[in-house]
Amino acid sequence: MTPTRNDWLSIFALGLVWGGTFMVIAFALEGYGPLTVACARTSFGAVTLLLALRVMGLGLPQGWPVWRYILPAGVLSTALPFFLLSWAQASVPSAFAGLSMAAVPLFVLPLAHVFSDEKMTLRKSLGFGLGFAGVVLVLGPTALEGGPSLLPHLACFLAALCYAVSSVLTRRCPKVEPVGFAAATLIVGAAVLVPAMLSVEGLPHWAGTQPAIAIVFLGLMPTALAALLRVSIIRRVGSGFMTLTNYQVPLWSMAFGAVLLKEALPPTFFAALALILGGMALSQRRA
């Protein structure tokens, strides 16, 4: 479908919320481990959407044809990327984590070509190549240096790949109510992360007001609300349009990181951002 004004407003809201998520994760990590942060996000989000389903008189999706997409989408859109980003941000700036999310549409392009109805064109291929050059640029110095800092940087881009795969899975899933689909994916994520958290980090404890507020915020805003908006947009206008949020996410994350967290932004960040956003712009037909 052709995007409506509400679709564009939803895209802007998602960009702002997701761009600020990395700063909030940094606050949460001051008191909790990465598995606890990721688990709290999925658990609070799942409970919130289950309550929404009850209020709306709706239920979870039924049948294996739907759940065979929900199960991998739940792991790849919640459990795995939430943990990877939380773990990585113990070592990398929030601005870098946000910048890496700009790679999501680059991964979506070839995946959607193979597994969806959004085919690659020459323009999209050139955009993919330009954006991938930005990824290489920002990873280049770290990859050459090697050492323990390389894995957290790679984890951010692996999280981006997870989001890209889950986006295509969501697009291919049979028609289902968006709230139920979003709730189901968060339930799957929580089912994976709760035992992992308990076995590695144990039961969470009170670690102060700021980390606690950050964890609750992560579960409600960028997880529950954003998951609902994300699924609705993908189902209406496609995963390609959904990737427009990634124009905003690195900009907001770098702005929040520099202004509020006082993070240094090296010149390679801006050069890589220009290449990635340029590639995204080239690959989009009308946006």
Protein backbone atom coordinates (compact mmCIF):
# COMPACT_ATOMS: atom_id res chain seq x y z
CA MET A 1 0.00 0.00 0.00
CA THR A 2 1.01 3.64 -0.48
CA PRO A 3 2.23 5.08 2.85
CA THR A 4 -0.23 7.44 4.53
CA ARG A 5 0.49 10.45 6.72
CA ASN A 6 0.04 8.25 9.81
CA ASP A 7 2.61 5.82 8.42
CA TRP A 8 5.13 8.65 8.04
CA LEU A 9 4.39 9.93 11.57
CA SER A 10 4.86 6.40 12.90
CA ILE A 11 8.21 6.15 11.12
CA PHE A 12 9.35 9.43 12.69
CA ALA A 13 8.22 8.32 16.16
CA LEU A 14 10.02 4.99 15.81
CA GLY A 15 13.21 6.71 14.70
CA LEU A 16 13.17 9.02 17.72
CA VAL A 17 12.34 6.29 20.24
CA TRP A 18 14.81 3.76 18.83
CA GLY A 19 17.49 6.43 18.49
CA GLY A 20 17.20 7.20 22.20
CA THR A 21 17.14 3.52 23.15
CA PHE A 22 20.93 3.17 23.12
CA MET A 23 21.34 6.00 25.62
CA VAL A 24 18.73 4.38 27.89
CA ILE A 25 20.52 1.02 27.61
CA ALA A 26 23.70 2.75 28.81
CA PHE A 27 21.80 3.98 31.89
CA ALA A 28 20.34 0.51 32.55
CA LEU A 29 23.78 -1.14 32.29
CA GLU A 30 24.99 1.01 35.20
CA GLY A 31 23.05 -1.30 37.52
CA TYR A 32 22.26 -4.50 35.62
CA GLY A 33 23.96 -7.05 33.38
CA PRO A 34 23.25 -7.34 29.65
CA LEU A 35 21.08 -10.44 29.98
CA THR A 36 18.98 -8.80 32.69
CA VAL A 37 18.52 -5.68 30.59
CA ALA A 38 17.53 -7.70 27.53
CA CYS A 39 15.25 -9.99 29.57
CA ALA A 40 13.49 -7.06 31.24
CA ARG A 41 12.84 -5.47 27.85
CA THR A 42 11.14 -8.55 26.45
CA SER A 43 9.27 -9.43 29.66
CA PHE A 44 7.85 -5.95 30.31
CA GLY A 45 7.01 -5.63 26.64
CA ALA A 46 5.28 -9.01 26.52
CA VAL A 47 3.18 -8.29 29.61
CA THR A 48 2.19 -4.87 28.25
CA LEU A 49 1.02 -6.26 24.92
CA LEU A 50 -0.79 -9.18 26.56
CA LEU A 51 -2.74 -6.64 28.64
CA ALA A 52 -3.45 -4.70 25.45
CA LEU A 53 -4.78 -7.87 23.80
CA ARG A 54 -7.07 -8.50 26.75
CA VAL A 55 -8.43 -4.95 26.71
CA MET A 56 -9.02 -5.16 22.97
CA GLY A 57 -10.69 -8.55 23.26
CA LEU A 58 -8.09 -10.21 21.06
CA GLY A 59 -5.93 -13.30 21.44
CA LEU A 60 -2.59 -14.67 20.35
CA PRO A 61 -2.19 -16.05 16.81
CA GLN A 62 -3.21 -19.65 16.34
CA GLY A 63 -1.88 -22.42 14.12
CA TRP A 64 1.51 -23.70 13.03
CA PRO A 65 1.50 -21.81 9.68
CA VAL A 66 1.77 -18.59 11.68
CA TRP A 67 3.92 -19.81 14.57
CA ARG A 68 6.57 -21.21 12.25
CA TYR A 69 7.29 -17.55 11.42
CA ILE A 70 6.68 -16.20 14.93
CA LEU A 71 9.23 -18.49 16.61
CA PRO A 72 12.29 -17.44 14.57
CA ALA A 73 11.03 -13.85 14.28
CA GLY A 74 10.72 -13.68 18.08
CA VAL A 75 14.30 -14.83 18.59
CA LEU A 76 15.70 -12.60 15.83
CA SER A 77 13.70 -9.45 16.61
CA THR A 78 13.90 -9.51 20.42
CA ALA A 79 16.01 -12.06 22.30
CA LEU A 80 19.20 -12.17 20.24
CA PRO A 81 19.55 -8.51 19.15
CA PHE A 82 18.52 -7.17 22.57
CA PHE A 83 21.25 -9.23 24.22
CA LEU A 84 23.88 -8.47 21.57
CA LEU A 85 23.33 -4.73 21.85
CA SER A 86 23.30 -4.73 25.64
CA TRP A 87 26.45 -6.84 25.78
CA ALA A 88 28.21 -4.72 23.17
CA GLN A 89 27.38 -1.42 24.85
CA ALA A 90 29.46 -2.41 27.86
CA SER A 91 32.44 -1.83 25.54
CA VAL A 92 31.34 0.47 22.70
CA PRO A 93 29.70 3.93 22.76
CA SER A 94 25.94 4.16 22.40
CA ALA A 95 26.54 6.33 19.31
CA PHE A 96 28.29 3.42 17.57
CA ALA A 97 25.51 1.00 18.49
CA GLY A 98 22.98 3.39 16.98
CA LEU A 99 25.12 3.91 13.89
CA SER A 100 25.27 0.16 13.29
CA MET A 101 21.47 0.05 13.04
CA ALA A 102 21.74 2.01 9.80
CA ALA A 103 23.00 -1.24 8.27
CA VAL A 104 19.60 -2.92 8.73
CA PRO A 105 18.21 -1.81 5.34
CA LEU A 106 21.43 -2.86 3.65
CA PHE A 107 20.88 -6.39 4.89
CA VAL A 108 17.15 -6.24 4.07
CA LEU A 109 17.76 -5.49 0.37
CA PRO A 110 19.32 -8.83 -0.66
CA LEU A 111 17.21 -10.81 1.83
CA ALA A 112 13.95 -9.31 0.55
CA HIS A 113 15.08 -9.98 -3.01
CA VAL A 114 15.51 -13.69 -2.31
CA PHE A 115 12.74 -14.35 0.21
CA SER A 116 10.12 -11.65 -0.43
CA ASP A 117 8.45 -9.75 -3.25
CA GLU A 118 10.75 -6.72 -3.05
CA LYS A 119 13.26 -7.35 -5.83
CA MET A 120 16.74 -5.89 -6.21
CA THR A 121 17.32 -3.43 -9.02
CA LEU A 122 20.48 -1.81 -10.32
CA ARG A 123 19.75 1.25 -8.20
CA LYS A 124 19.24 -0.84 -5.08
CA SER A 125 22.41 -2.80 -5.79
CA LEU A 126 24.44 0.40 -6.11
CA GLY A 127 22.90 1.69 -2.89
CA PHE A 128 23.78 -1.55 -1.14
CA GLY A 129 27.40 -1.30 -2.29
CA LEU A 130 27.70 2.33 -1.18
CA GLY A 131 26.21 1.63 2.23
CA PHE A 132 28.33 -1.47 2.73
CA ALA A 133 31.41 0.69 2.10
CA GLY A 134 30.31 2.75 5.09
CA VAL A 135 30.11 -0.38 7.25
CA VAL A 136 33.62 -1.37 6.15
CA LEU A 137 34.87 2.14 6.88
CA VAL A 138 33.57 2.26 10.44
CA LEU A 139 34.74 -1.30 11.16
CA GLY A 140 38.04 -0.99 9.31
CA PRO A 141 40.30 0.39 12.06
CA THR A 142 38.76 -1.92 14.66
CA ALA A 143 39.11 -4.98 12.43
CA LEU A 144 42.75 -4.17 11.68
CA GLU A 145 43.56 -3.66 15.35
CA GLY A 146 41.76 -6.82 16.38
CA GLY A 147 41.77 -7.44 20.11
CA PRO A 148 38.83 -7.67 22.51
CA SER A 149 37.08 -4.55 21.13
CA LEU A 150 36.42 -6.18 17.75
CA LEU A 151 33.76 -8.61 18.96
CA PRO A 152 31.48 -5.94 20.55
CA HIS A 153 31.65 -3.91 17.35
CA LEU A 154 30.76 -6.96 15.26
CA ALA A 155 27.96 -7.82 17.71
CA CYS A 156 26.24 -4.52 16.88
CA PHE A 157 26.19 -5.35 13.17
CA LEU A 158 25.09 -8.92 13.92
CA ALA A 159 22.13 -7.42 15.79
CA ALA A 160 21.36 -5.35 12.70
CA LEU A 161 21.40 -8.53 10.60
CA CYS A 162 18.98 -10.16 13.07
CA TYR A 163 16.55 -7.26 12.67
CA ALA A 164 16.80 -7.51 8.89
CA VAL A 165 16.02 -11.23 8.82
CA SER A 166 13.11 -10.80 11.24
CA SER A 167 11.73 -7.99 9.07
CA VAL A 168 11.55 -10.30 6.06
CA LEU A 169 10.02 -13.09 8.16
CA THR A 170 7.36 -10.68 9.39
CA ARG A 171 6.58 -9.69 5.82
CA ARG A 172 6.24 -13.34 4.71
CA CYS A 173 4.07 -14.41 7.65
CA PRO A 174 0.41 -15.16 6.81
CA LYS A 175 -2.03 -12.37 7.61
CA VAL A 176 -2.49 -12.05 11.36
CA GLU A 177 -3.56 -9.38 13.85
CA PRO A 178 -0.53 -7.08 14.44
CA VAL A 179 -0.92 -6.76 18.23
CA GLY A 180 -1.10 -10.52 18.64
CA PHE A 181 1.91 -11.04 16.39
CA ALA A 182 3.99 -8.46 18.30
CA ALA A 183 2.98 -9.96 21.67
CA ALA A 184 3.82 -13.46 20.48
CA THR A 185 7.31 -12.46 19.33
CA LEU A 186 8.01 -10.85 22.72
CA ILE A 187 6.75 -13.96 24.53
CA VAL A 188 9.17 -16.04 22.48
CA GLY A 189 12.00 -13.63 23.35
CA ALA A 190 11.15 -13.74 27.05
CA ALA A 191 10.98 -17.55 27.00
CA VAL A 192 14.55 -17.60 25.67
CA LEU A 193 16.01 -14.86 27.88
CA VAL A 194 14.44 -15.62 31.29
CA PRO A 195 16.24 -18.97 31.82
CA ALA A 196 19.44 -17.52 30.33
CA MET A 197 19.33 -14.59 32.76
CA LEU A 198 18.59 -16.78 35.79
CA SER A 199 21.39 -19.22 34.98
CA VAL A 200 24.04 -16.57 34.25
CA GLU A 201 23.18 -13.40 36.19
CA GLY A 202 20.59 -14.64 38.69
CA LEU A 203 17.53 -12.80 39.95
CA PRO A 204 17.74 -9.03 39.46
CA HIS A 205 18.07 -6.79 42.50
CA TRP A 206 17.37 -3.13 43.19
CA ALA A 207 20.27 -1.21 41.69
CA GLY A 208 19.06 2.35 42.08
CA THR A 209 16.35 4.57 40.66
CA GLN A 210 17.99 5.49 37.35
CA PRO A 211 18.79 1.93 36.13
CA ALA A 212 15.37 0.73 37.27
CA ILE A 213 13.51 3.50 35.43
CA ALA A 214 15.67 2.84 32.37
CA ILE A 215 14.73 -0.85 32.35
CA VAL A 216 11.01 -0.13 32.67
CA PHE A 217 11.23 2.48 29.90
CA LEU A 218 13.02 -0.02 27.64
CA GLY A 219 10.25 -2.54 28.11
CA LEU A 220 7.40 -0.13 27.48
CA MET A 221 8.47 2.37 24.81
CA PRO A 222 11.11 0.97 22.40
CA THR A 223 9.91 -2.61 22.91
CA ALA A 224 6.14 -2.93 23.42
CA LEU A 225 4.96 0.20 21.63
CA ALA A 226 7.65 0.06 18.97
CA ALA A 227 7.05 -3.64 18.26
CA LEU A 228 3.38 -2.89 17.65
CA LEU A 229 4.13 0.01 15.31
CA ARG A 230 6.85 -1.95 13.52
CA VAL A 231 4.66 -4.93 12.75
CA SER A 232 1.77 -2.71 11.65
CA ILE A 233 3.96 -0.72 9.24
CA ILE A 234 5.62 -3.78 7.72
CA ARG A 235 2.29 -5.50 7.17
CA ARG A 236 0.75 -2.40 5.54
CA VAL A 237 3.52 -0.99 3.37
CA GLY A 238 6.42 -3.48 3.42
CA SER A 239 9.80 -4.01 5.06
CA GLY A 240 11.47 -1.64 2.62
CA PHE A 241 9.46 1.34 3.87
CA MET A 242 10.09 0.25 7.46
CA THR A 243 13.83 0.65 6.95
CA LEU A 244 13.34 4.43 6.64
CA THR A 245 13.50 4.53 10.44
CA ASN A 246 17.17 3.73 10.08
CA TYR A 247 17.80 7.12 8.50
CA GLN A 248 16.92 8.65 11.85
CA VAL A 249 18.20 6.10 14.39
CA PRO A 250 21.94 6.81 13.94
CA LEU A 251 21.35 10.56 13.91
CA TRP A 252 19.38 10.52 17.16
CA SER A 253 21.71 8.02 18.84
CA MET A 254 24.79 10.06 17.96
CA ALA A 255 23.08 13.27 19.11
CA PHE A 256 21.96 11.77 22.44
CA GLY A 257 25.35 10.14 22.97
CA ALA A 258 27.30 13.33 22.28
CA VAL A 259 25.05 15.76 24.16
CA LEU A 260 23.81 13.75 27.13
CA LEU A 261 26.47 11.05 27.56
CA LYS A 262 29.42 13.22 26.45
CA GLU A 263 30.66 10.56 24.04
CA ALA A 264 33.39 11.42 21.55
CA LEU A 265 32.38 11.13 17.90
CA PRO A 266 35.41 10.39 15.68
CA PRO A 267 35.43 11.61 12.06
CA THR A 268 35.02 8.04 10.77
CA PHE A 269 31.55 7.95 12.36
CA PHE A 270 30.38 10.85 10.23
CA ALA A 271 32.02 9.55 7.05
CA ALA A 272 30.50 6.11 7.55
CA LEU A 273 27.12 7.66 8.33
CA ALA A 274 27.24 9.67 5.10
CA LEU A 275 28.04 6.54 3.05
CA ILE A 276 25.38 4.40 4.72
CA LEU A 277 22.65 7.02 4.50
CA GLY A 278 23.69 7.79 0.94
CA GLY A 279 23.34 4.14 0.05
CA MET A 280 19.94 3.98 1.72
CA ALA A 281 18.77 7.07 -0.17
CA LEU A 282 19.97 5.63 -3.47
CA SER A 283 18.20 2.33 -2.87
CA GLN A 284 14.84 3.95 -2.03
CA ARG A 285 12.67 4.73 -5.04
CA ARG A 286 10.49 7.55 -3.75
CA ALA A 287 11.49 8.34 -0.16
